[in-house]
Structures are given as C-alpha cells and as structure tokens.
Amino acid sequence: MDGTQRRSEILNVLEVAETPVSAGKLAAKFVVSRQIIVGDVALLRAAGHEIVATARGYILERMEEAGVIRKIACQHQPSQTEDELSCIVSYGGEVLDVVVEHPIYGELTGNLRVRTKEDIKRFIASYKKSNASLLSELTGGIHLHTIRCENEEVLEQIKEALLKKGILYQG
C-alpha cells in the first residue's frame, strides 16, 4: 500500500470511528511506524481535512455535530477541574478545548473533546498520572473553554451552574 492509499484508508477509519483513534493503533493497522502516521495526518490536514489531535488520538471534525459553539471564561483551582467538567457535561455540553493567554507564545490551546463522564474520568486519571500541570495553572486559573451544546438555552444553564459554583470568571 502506498502513502496515498494509506492516507485514504486513515480517513475511512476516522470517518467511522466513534472515539479517538491513536496513532499507535493506526500504525499497527497499516504496519508502519507511529511517525509515518503522524506525517500522514499532517499531510491530510494540509489537504484541508479537519482532523483534530486529542490526548486520546485523532478524530475527524464532523460539521453535522455543530450545535451551538461558544467560548466561556472560567477561573478555578486545579482541584476543581473535575467539578467544572462534570458541570458542563451534566447539562449536555461538550468541552472542545481549553485556551490560555501566554505572555510569550500568545494563545495556547489544548484539545479536550470531553463529552461524557467516562471522558472526564479518563482526563482526570491522565492528569494525575502524568504529574503535568494544567494549562490554566499558567494563568492563575483563568482560562477559556470552547463549549458545544444543543442550543443557547443549554449554554445559559451551563453558565449559570458554573457561576453558582464560583467557576465562571467574572473579572
């Protein structure tokens, strides 16, 4: 199988996947190195395919999932991260990413794609195991989340719930 054919097959895999697919799994499937897959995905992105890299693997952005997408500003301690994500997900929201403003690099974005309680458990477990810092720790807890939800009413419910918890940033 040549590179063009493999990239076409990678797209097919991502189109039917319901969860992120890791570069390692794709490498095993196509009997190539993980680095070859990373390069293939870079070429697919450069060709205009909306492939998002998450901590759990690659996903293909699907436009039919649009709904309402808005950014919200939050501020909290690292210990409140699980509560923040649970609050958003419990109202039917999906946390697409986290964004912070860095004094040297400007805007830094981390893809999250958290939509279920299981996603939250996985994220928190990964955070604790990695011993890494959250992006929000670079900015005193202030950060943005891009949220996708069904409609504006649901978004307002999410914001109200975060406000009650003292997580929605008020400046």
Foldseek 3Di string as FASTA:
>chain_A
DDLVVLLVVVVVCQVPDPDADALVNSCVVVVHDSVSSVVSVVVVVVVPFQWDQAPHHIHGDDCVLAADKDKFKWFDDPVCVLVLLCLQLVLQKWFQWKWDQAPPPGIDIHGQRHRDNVSSVVVVVCCVVVVDDDPCVRPNRIIMTIMHGHHPVSVVSSLVVCVVVVTGDDD
